[in-house]
């Protein structure tokens, strides 16, 4: 991995549903105008992605459009993210769904490919 910096004051850590000390860290770096998403296994960073701060709203819109499975708590309302040097505040705000969509997300899982057999 590249340069590993301490977690800034604007960020959060999410636990992986599979457990095993897997986490996802999300942090906002105002000086570089990026949101960094990194995947961790214990204390080792396994991968990272730098998202331009300008694209964060599109990611939030996508995530807020996901329907919760039956029995799970409802997802929060659509939010508008406002960032400054010290905080990120989520303000509830209703928005119309975007008429643009990219890709086909109708499949729940990729089709299984046959496993080659070796004699």
N, C-alpha and C. Protein backbone atom coordinates (compact mmCIF):
# COMPACT_ATOMS: atom_id res chain seq x y z
N UNK A 1 0.84 -1.18 0.00
CA UNK A 1 0.00 0.00 0.00
C UNK A 1 0.88 1.24 0.00
N UNK A 2 0.26 2.35 -0.28
CA UNK A 2 0.98 3.61 -0.28
C UNK A 2 1.10 4.18 1.11
N UNK A 3 1.15 5.48 1.16
CA UNK A 3 1.31 6.21 2.41
C UNK A 3 0.11 5.97 3.33
N UNK A 4 0.36 5.58 4.58
CA UNK A 4 -0.70 5.36 5.56
C UNK A 4 -0.66 6.52 6.54
N UNK A 5 -1.78 7.24 6.62
CA UNK A 5 -1.88 8.40 7.50
C UNK A 5 -2.81 8.07 8.65
N UNK A 6 -2.67 8.77 9.79
CA UNK A 6 -3.62 8.55 10.88
C UNK A 6 -5.03 8.95 10.46
N UNK A 7 -6.02 8.32 11.08
CA UNK A 7 -7.42 8.61 10.77
C UNK A 7 -7.71 10.07 11.11
N UNK A 8 -8.19 10.87 10.14
CA UNK A 8 -8.51 12.26 10.45
C UNK A 8 -9.74 12.35 11.34
N UNK A 9 -10.01 13.56 11.84
CA UNK A 9 -11.15 13.73 12.73
C UNK A 9 -12.47 13.56 11.99
N UNK A 10 -12.47 13.70 10.66
CA UNK A 10 -13.68 13.53 9.87
C UNK A 10 -13.61 12.17 9.20
N UNK A 11 -14.30 11.19 9.80
CA UNK A 11 -14.28 9.85 9.24
C UNK A 11 -15.07 8.89 10.10
N UNK A 12 -15.14 7.64 9.64
CA UNK A 12 -15.87 6.62 10.38
C UNK A 12 -15.30 5.25 10.02
N UNK A 13 -15.58 4.28 10.87
CA UNK A 13 -15.13 2.90 10.67
C UNK A 13 -16.37 2.01 10.67
N UNK A 14 -16.46 1.10 9.69
CA UNK A 14 -17.58 0.19 9.55
C UNK A 14 -17.08 -1.24 9.66
N UNK A 15 -17.84 -2.10 10.35
CA UNK A 15 -17.47 -3.50 10.51
C UNK A 15 -18.02 -4.32 9.35
N UNK A 16 -17.25 -5.27 8.87
CA UNK A 16 -17.67 -6.18 7.81
C UNK A 16 -18.62 -7.21 8.39
N UNK A 17 -19.68 -7.55 7.66
CA UNK A 17 -20.65 -8.53 8.16
C UNK A 17 -20.03 -9.91 8.32
N UNK A 18 -18.90 -10.16 7.66
CA UNK A 18 -18.23 -11.46 7.77
C UNK A 18 -17.38 -11.56 9.03
N UNK A 19 -17.18 -10.45 9.72
CA UNK A 19 -16.37 -10.48 10.94
C UNK A 19 -14.89 -10.59 10.62
N UNK A 20 -14.19 -11.44 11.38
CA UNK A 20 -12.76 -11.68 11.18
C UNK A 20 -11.93 -10.40 11.21
N UNK A 21 -12.34 -9.43 12.02
CA UNK A 21 -11.58 -8.18 12.20
C UNK A 21 -11.42 -7.39 10.89
N UNK A 22 -12.40 -7.54 9.98
CA UNK A 22 -12.38 -6.78 8.73
C UNK A 22 -13.15 -5.49 8.94
N UNK A 23 -12.59 -4.39 8.47
CA UNK A 23 -13.26 -3.10 8.58
C UNK A 23 -13.10 -2.30 7.30
N UNK A 24 -13.99 -1.32 7.15
CA UNK A 24 -13.88 -0.34 6.08
C UNK A 24 -13.79 1.02 6.75
N UNK A 25 -12.77 1.76 6.42
CA UNK A 25 -12.60 3.10 6.98
C UNK A 25 -12.89 4.11 5.89
N UNK A 26 -13.66 5.13 6.25
CA UNK A 26 -14.00 6.20 5.33
C UNK A 26 -13.55 7.50 5.97
N UNK A 27 -12.75 8.28 5.26
CA UNK A 27 -12.25 9.53 5.83
C UNK A 27 -12.28 10.63 4.77
N UNK A 28 -12.49 11.86 5.24
CA UNK A 28 -12.53 13.03 4.35
C UNK A 28 -11.27 13.84 4.58
N UNK A 29 -10.57 14.14 3.50
CA UNK A 29 -9.33 14.92 3.56
C UNK A 29 -9.56 16.22 2.80
N UNK A 30 -9.89 17.27 3.54
CA UNK A 30 -10.25 18.53 2.92
C UNK A 30 -9.09 19.13 2.13
N UNK A 31 -7.87 18.99 2.64
CA UNK A 31 -6.72 19.58 1.96
C UNK A 31 -6.53 19.01 0.55
N UNK A 32 -6.93 17.76 0.34
CA UNK A 32 -6.80 17.12 -0.98
C UNK A 32 -8.14 17.01 -1.70
N UNK A 33 -9.22 17.39 -1.02
CA UNK A 33 -10.58 17.32 -1.55
C UNK A 33 -10.91 15.90 -2.03
N UNK A 34 -10.62 14.91 -1.15
CA UNK A 34 -10.92 13.52 -1.46
C UNK A 34 -11.54 12.82 -0.27
N UNK A 35 -12.36 11.83 -0.57
CA UNK A 35 -12.88 10.90 0.43
C UNK A 35 -12.11 9.60 0.19
N UNK A 36 -11.45 9.11 1.23
CA UNK A 36 -10.67 7.88 1.10
C UNK A 36 -11.45 6.73 1.74
N UNK A 37 -11.67 5.68 0.97
CA UNK A 37 -12.29 4.46 1.46
C UNK A 37 -11.20 3.40 1.46
N UNK A 38 -10.94 2.81 2.63
CA UNK A 38 -9.89 1.80 2.72
C UNK A 38 -10.43 0.55 3.40
N UNK A 39 -9.94 -0.60 2.95
CA UNK A 39 -10.36 -1.89 3.48
C UNK A 39 -9.23 -2.46 4.33
N UNK A 40 -9.57 -2.88 5.55
CA UNK A 40 -8.57 -3.32 6.52
C UNK A 40 -8.85 -4.73 7.00
N UNK A 41 -7.79 -5.48 7.24
CA UNK A 41 -7.85 -6.78 7.91
C UNK A 41 -6.97 -6.63 9.14
N UNK A 42 -7.61 -6.42 10.28
CA UNK A 42 -6.85 -6.12 11.50
C UNK A 42 -6.16 -4.78 11.34
N UNK A 43 -4.84 -4.76 11.50
CA UNK A 43 -4.07 -3.51 11.39
C UNK A 43 -3.48 -3.32 10.01
N UNK A 44 -3.78 -4.21 9.06
CA UNK A 44 -3.19 -4.13 7.72
C UNK A 44 -4.20 -3.59 6.71
N UNK A 45 -3.82 -2.52 6.01
CA UNK A 45 -4.66 -1.97 4.95
C UNK A 45 -4.50 -2.87 3.72
N UNK A 46 -5.62 -3.38 3.20
CA UNK A 46 -5.59 -4.29 2.05
C UNK A 46 -5.91 -3.60 0.74
N UNK A 47 -6.44 -2.39 0.79
CA UNK A 47 -6.75 -1.66 -0.44
C UNK A 47 -7.39 -0.33 -0.11
N UNK A 48 -7.24 0.63 -1.03
CA UNK A 48 -7.86 1.93 -0.79
C UNK A 48 -8.36 2.51 -2.11
N UNK A 49 -9.29 3.46 -1.98
CA UNK A 49 -9.87 4.14 -3.13
C UNK A 49 -10.03 5.60 -2.76
N UNK A 50 -9.57 6.49 -3.62
CA UNK A 50 -9.71 7.93 -3.39
C UNK A 50 -10.82 8.46 -4.30
N UNK A 51 -11.90 8.90 -3.67
CA UNK A 51 -13.07 9.42 -4.38
C UNK A 51 -13.02 10.94 -4.34
N UNK A 52 -13.12 11.59 -5.49
CA UNK A 52 -13.16 13.06 -5.51
C UNK A 52 -14.35 13.53 -4.69
N UNK A 53 -14.13 14.56 -3.86
CA UNK A 53 -15.20 15.07 -3.00
C UNK A 53 -16.43 15.47 -3.81
N UNK A 54 -16.22 15.91 -5.05
CA UNK A 54 -17.34 16.29 -5.92
C UNK A 54 -18.24 15.10 -6.26
N UNK A 55 -17.71 13.87 -6.20
CA UNK A 55 -18.49 12.67 -6.51
C UNK A 55 -19.18 12.07 -5.29
N UNK A 56 -18.91 12.60 -4.10
CA UNK A 56 -19.48 12.03 -2.86
C UNK A 56 -21.01 12.09 -2.87
N UNK A 57 -21.59 13.15 -3.38
CA UNK A 57 -23.04 13.27 -3.44
C UNK A 57 -23.68 12.17 -4.28
N UNK A 58 -23.04 11.81 -5.39
CA UNK A 58 -23.55 10.75 -6.25
C UNK A 58 -23.49 9.41 -5.53
N UNK A 59 -22.41 9.16 -4.78
CA UNK A 59 -22.31 7.92 -4.01
C UNK A 59 -23.38 7.87 -2.93
N UNK A 60 -23.60 8.99 -2.23
CA UNK A 60 -24.63 9.04 -1.19
C UNK A 60 -26.01 8.79 -1.80
N UNK A 61 -26.28 9.37 -2.96
CA UNK A 61 -27.57 9.15 -3.62
C UNK A 61 -27.76 7.68 -3.97
N UNK A 62 -26.71 7.03 -4.45
CA UNK A 62 -26.79 5.61 -4.77
C UNK A 62 -27.08 4.78 -3.52
N UNK A 63 -26.32 5.02 -2.45
CA UNK A 63 -26.49 4.24 -1.22
C UNK A 63 -27.85 4.48 -0.58
N UNK A 64 -28.35 5.70 -0.65
CA UNK A 64 -29.65 5.99 -0.03
C UNK A 64 -30.80 5.39 -0.83
N UNK A 65 -30.55 4.99 -2.07
CA UNK A 65 -31.59 4.37 -2.88
C UNK A 65 -31.70 2.87 -2.69
N UNK A 66 -30.83 2.29 -1.89
CA UNK A 66 -30.86 0.85 -1.66
C UNK A 66 -31.98 0.52 -0.69
N UNK A 67 -32.80 -0.46 -1.04
CA UNK A 67 -33.92 -0.88 -0.20
C UNK A 67 -33.41 -1.86 0.84
N UNK A 68 -33.78 -1.64 2.10
CA UNK A 68 -33.37 -2.53 3.19
C UNK A 68 -34.07 -3.87 3.05
N UNK A 69 -33.36 -4.97 3.37
CA UNK A 69 -34.01 -6.28 3.36
C UNK A 69 -35.13 -6.35 4.40
N UNK A 70 -36.07 -7.25 4.23
CA UNK A 70 -37.17 -7.40 5.18
C UNK A 70 -36.63 -7.67 6.57
N UNK A 71 -37.17 -6.98 7.55
CA UNK A 71 -36.75 -7.17 8.94
C UNK A 71 -35.60 -6.27 9.36
N UNK A 72 -34.92 -5.65 8.40
CA UNK A 72 -33.82 -4.75 8.75
C UNK A 72 -34.38 -3.36 9.00
N UNK A 73 -33.70 -2.55 9.80
CA UNK A 73 -34.17 -1.18 10.02
C UNK A 73 -34.20 -0.42 8.70
N UNK A 74 -35.14 0.51 8.59
CA UNK A 74 -35.25 1.31 7.37
C UNK A 74 -34.00 2.15 7.18
N UNK A 75 -33.64 2.36 5.91
CA UNK A 75 -32.51 3.22 5.59
C UNK A 75 -32.89 4.67 5.89
N UNK A 76 -31.94 5.51 6.23
CA UNK A 76 -32.25 6.92 6.49
C UNK A 76 -32.73 7.61 5.22
N UNK A 77 -33.40 8.75 5.40
CA UNK A 77 -33.86 9.55 4.27
C UNK A 77 -32.67 10.00 3.44
N UNK A 78 -32.97 10.44 2.19
CA UNK A 78 -31.91 11.02 1.36
C UNK A 78 -31.27 12.16 2.14
N UNK A 79 -29.97 12.31 1.98
CA UNK A 79 -29.28 13.36 2.72
C UNK A 79 -28.42 14.19 1.79
N UNK A 80 -28.19 15.39 2.22
CA UNK A 80 -27.25 16.26 1.53
C UNK A 80 -26.05 16.40 2.46
N UNK A 81 -24.87 16.12 1.95
CA UNK A 81 -23.67 16.17 2.77
C UNK A 81 -23.04 17.54 2.64
N UNK A 82 -22.75 18.15 3.78
CA UNK A 82 -22.07 19.44 3.82
C UNK A 82 -20.79 19.24 4.60
N UNK A 83 -19.65 19.56 3.99
CA UNK A 83 -18.37 19.31 4.65
C UNK A 83 -17.64 20.62 4.90
N UNK A 84 -16.99 20.70 6.06
CA UNK A 84 -16.06 21.78 6.34
C UNK A 84 -14.84 21.16 6.99
N UNK A 85 -13.95 21.97 7.50
CA UNK A 85 -12.68 21.46 8.03
C UNK A 85 -12.86 20.52 9.21
N UNK A 86 -13.89 20.69 10.02
CA UNK A 86 -14.01 19.90 11.24
C UNK A 86 -15.11 18.85 11.24
N UNK A 87 -16.15 19.02 10.43
CA UNK A 87 -17.27 18.09 10.52
C UNK A 87 -17.87 17.80 9.16
N UNK A 88 -18.59 16.71 9.10
CA UNK A 88 -19.48 16.43 7.98
C UNK A 88 -20.86 16.30 8.59
N UNK A 89 -21.78 17.14 8.16
CA UNK A 89 -23.14 17.12 8.71
C UNK A 89 -24.08 16.56 7.67
N UNK A 90 -24.91 15.64 8.07
CA UNK A 90 -25.92 15.08 7.18
C UNK A 90 -27.25 15.74 7.48
N UNK A 91 -27.79 16.45 6.50
CA UNK A 91 -29.04 17.16 6.67
C UNK A 91 -30.11 16.47 5.85
N UNK A 92 -31.20 15.95 6.48
CA UNK A 92 -32.24 15.30 5.69
C UNK A 92 -32.82 16.25 4.66
N UNK A 93 -32.95 15.77 3.43
CA UNK A 93 -33.51 16.58 2.37
C UNK A 93 -34.06 15.64 1.31
N UNK A 94 -35.34 15.76 1.01
CA UNK A 94 -35.97 14.91 -0.01
C UNK A 94 -35.51 15.37 -1.39
N UNK A 95 -35.15 14.41 -2.23
CA UNK A 95 -34.77 14.72 -3.60
C UNK A 95 -35.44 13.73 -4.52
N UNK A 96 -35.70 14.16 -5.74
CA UNK A 96 -36.28 13.27 -6.73
C UNK A 96 -35.19 12.32 -7.23
N UNK A 97 -35.55 11.08 -7.54
CA UNK A 97 -34.53 10.16 -8.04
C UNK A 97 -33.97 10.64 -9.37
N UNK A 98 -32.71 10.39 -9.60
CA UNK A 98 -32.05 10.80 -10.83
C UNK A 98 -32.59 10.00 -12.01
N UNK A 99 -32.86 10.66 -13.14
CA UNK A 99 -33.34 9.92 -14.30
C UNK A 99 -32.24 9.10 -14.96
N UNK A 100 -30.98 9.41 -14.64
CA UNK A 100 -29.86 8.70 -15.24
C UNK A 100 -29.48 7.49 -14.40
N UNK A 101 -29.20 6.41 -15.04
CA UNK A 101 -28.69 5.23 -14.35
C UNK A 101 -27.55 4.68 -15.19
N UNK A 102 -26.56 4.16 -14.52
CA UNK A 102 -25.47 3.52 -15.23
C UNK A 102 -25.41 2.07 -14.82
N UNK A 103 -25.28 1.20 -15.78
CA UNK A 103 -25.16 -0.22 -15.48
C UNK A 103 -26.49 -0.87 -15.15
N UNK A 104 -26.48 -2.18 -15.10
CA UNK A 104 -27.66 -2.96 -14.78
C UNK A 104 -27.42 -3.63 -13.44
N UNK A 105 -28.16 -3.22 -12.42
CA UNK A 105 -27.99 -3.79 -11.09
C UNK A 105 -29.14 -4.72 -10.73
N UNK A 106 -29.80 -5.25 -11.76
CA UNK A 106 -30.96 -6.10 -11.49
C UNK A 106 -30.57 -7.50 -11.03
N UNK A 107 -29.34 -7.92 -11.29
CA UNK A 107 -28.91 -9.25 -10.86
C UNK A 107 -28.49 -9.20 -9.40
N UNK A 108 -28.91 -10.17 -8.62
CA UNK A 108 -28.51 -10.23 -7.22
C UNK A 108 -27.14 -10.85 -7.06
N UNK A 109 -26.75 -11.72 -7.97
CA UNK A 109 -25.44 -12.36 -7.91
C UNK A 109 -25.01 -12.68 -9.33
N UNK A 110 -23.72 -12.74 -9.53
CA UNK A 110 -23.20 -13.11 -10.83
C UNK A 110 -23.48 -14.59 -11.08
N UNK A 111 -23.70 -14.96 -12.35
CA UNK A 111 -23.93 -16.37 -12.63
C UNK A 111 -22.69 -17.19 -12.29
N UNK A 112 -22.91 -18.42 -11.83
CA UNK A 112 -21.79 -19.29 -11.48
C UNK A 112 -21.19 -19.87 -12.75
N UNK A 113 -19.85 -19.82 -12.82
CA UNK A 113 -19.15 -20.41 -13.95
C UNK A 113 -18.76 -21.83 -13.57
N UNK A 114 -18.78 -22.75 -14.55
CA UNK A 114 -18.37 -24.11 -14.22
C UNK A 114 -16.90 -24.15 -13.83
N UNK A 115 -16.59 -24.99 -12.87
CA UNK A 115 -15.22 -25.14 -12.40
C UNK A 115 -14.53 -26.17 -13.28
N UNK A 116 -13.36 -25.81 -13.85
CA UNK A 116 -12.66 -26.79 -14.69
C UNK A 116 -12.23 -28.00 -13.86
N UNK A 117 -12.36 -29.16 -14.43
CA UNK A 117 -11.97 -30.39 -13.74
C UNK A 117 -10.62 -30.83 -14.27
N UNK A 118 -9.73 -31.13 -13.36
CA UNK A 118 -8.39 -31.58 -13.72
C UNK A 118 -8.27 -33.04 -13.35
N UNK A 119 -7.84 -33.86 -14.31
CA UNK A 119 -7.71 -35.29 -14.05
C UNK A 119 -6.34 -35.64 -13.53
